[in-house]
Protein backbone atom coordinates (compact mmCIF):
# COMPACT_ATOMS: atom_id res chain seq x y z
CA UNK A 1 -51.96 -18.66 -77.76
CA UNK A 2 -49.62 -17.90 -74.86
CA UNK A 3 -52.57 -17.45 -72.52
CA UNK A 4 -53.90 -20.92 -73.35
CA UNK A 5 -50.43 -22.42 -72.90
CA UNK A 6 -50.03 -20.64 -69.57
CA UNK A 7 -53.31 -22.01 -68.21
CA UNK A 8 -52.39 -25.52 -69.37
CA UNK A 9 -49.10 -25.18 -67.52
CA UNK A 10 -50.88 -23.77 -64.47
CA UNK A 11 -53.34 -26.69 -64.40
CA UNK A 12 -50.45 -29.11 -64.71
CA UNK A 13 -48.73 -27.44 -61.74
CA UNK A 14 -51.98 -27.55 -59.76
CA UNK A 15 -52.26 -31.32 -60.28
CA UNK A 16 -48.82 -31.74 -58.70
CA UNK A 17 -50.04 -30.32 -55.38
CA UNK A 18 -51.35 -32.61 -52.65
CA UNK A 19 -55.10 -32.94 -53.23
CA UNK A 20 -56.21 -31.17 -50.04
CA UNK A 21 -53.93 -28.20 -50.69
CA UNK A 22 -55.11 -28.00 -54.30
CA UNK A 23 -58.74 -28.09 -53.09
CA UNK A 24 -58.14 -25.24 -50.65
CA UNK A 25 -56.45 -23.16 -53.34
CA UNK A 26 -59.21 -23.80 -55.88
CA UNK A 27 -61.98 -22.96 -53.41
CA UNK A 28 -60.31 -19.73 -52.34
CA UNK A 29 -58.83 -18.42 -55.57
CA UNK A 30 -61.03 -19.89 -58.30
CA UNK A 31 -64.39 -20.33 -56.56
CA UNK A 32 -63.82 -17.20 -54.45
CA UNK A 33 -65.25 -18.79 -51.32
CA UNK A 34 -64.91 -16.96 -48.02
CA UNK A 35 -62.52 -18.21 -45.35
CA UNK A 36 -65.34 -19.26 -43.04
CA UNK A 37 -67.06 -21.22 -45.81
CA UNK A 38 -63.90 -23.12 -46.70
CA UNK A 39 -63.09 -23.86 -43.08
CA UNK A 40 -66.58 -25.18 -42.47
CA UNK A 41 -66.68 -27.24 -45.67
CA UNK A 42 -63.28 -28.84 -45.05
CA UNK A 43 -63.44 -28.88 -41.24
CA UNK A 44 -60.19 -26.94 -40.82
CA UNK A 45 -59.18 -23.93 -38.75
CA UNK A 46 -58.54 -20.52 -40.31
CA UNK A 47 -54.85 -20.83 -39.36
CA UNK A 48 -54.63 -24.18 -41.12
CA UNK A 49 -56.32 -22.67 -44.17
CA UNK A 50 -53.76 -19.85 -44.39
CA UNK A 51 -50.85 -22.29 -44.01
CA UNK A 52 -52.27 -24.48 -46.77
CA UNK A 53 -52.82 -21.47 -49.04
CA UNK A 54 -49.26 -20.31 -48.44
CA UNK A 55 -47.91 -23.76 -49.30
CA UNK A 56 -50.05 -23.90 -52.42
CA UNK A 57 -48.87 -20.48 -53.61
CA UNK A 58 -45.21 -21.26 -52.96
CA UNK A 59 -45.42 -24.63 -54.74
CA UNK A 60 -47.29 -23.11 -57.70
CA UNK A 61 -44.77 -20.29 -57.90
CA UNK A 62 -41.87 -22.74 -57.99
CA UNK A 63 -43.56 -24.96 -60.57
CA UNK A 64 -44.42 -22.01 -62.81
CA UNK A 65 -40.91 -20.61 -62.53
CA UNK A 66 -39.52 -23.94 -63.72
CA UNK A 67 -42.21 -24.71 -66.31
CA UNK A 68 -43.29 -21.36 -67.69
CA UNK A 69 -40.95 -18.49 -66.84
CA UNK A 70 -37.69 -20.34 -67.36
CA UNK A 71 -36.06 -19.10 -70.54
CA UNK A 72 -34.97 -21.87 -72.88
CA UNK A 73 -31.22 -22.30 -73.02
CA UNK A 74 -29.38 -22.66 -76.32
CA UNK A 75 -28.15 -26.17 -77.05
CA UNK A 76 -24.98 -27.04 -75.17
CA UNK A 77 -25.56 -24.43 -72.43
CA UNK A 78 -26.82 -25.04 -68.90
């Protein structure tokens, strides 16, 4: 149950990324494409790829921290 909920939350976070950054992340992490393949397919440099991957990971981390890992607070508490 928690696994399904996590992946739903993850997909929701992924949709919040700019499309190109989400594409790069998906190709690298989900499709397991090599750097050279991604760079050729998207016409980007390896440096640009690594910057985009870093941005994707940081944005996903922040989104997951807020959406998944944040412990619910009791009513009346911040």
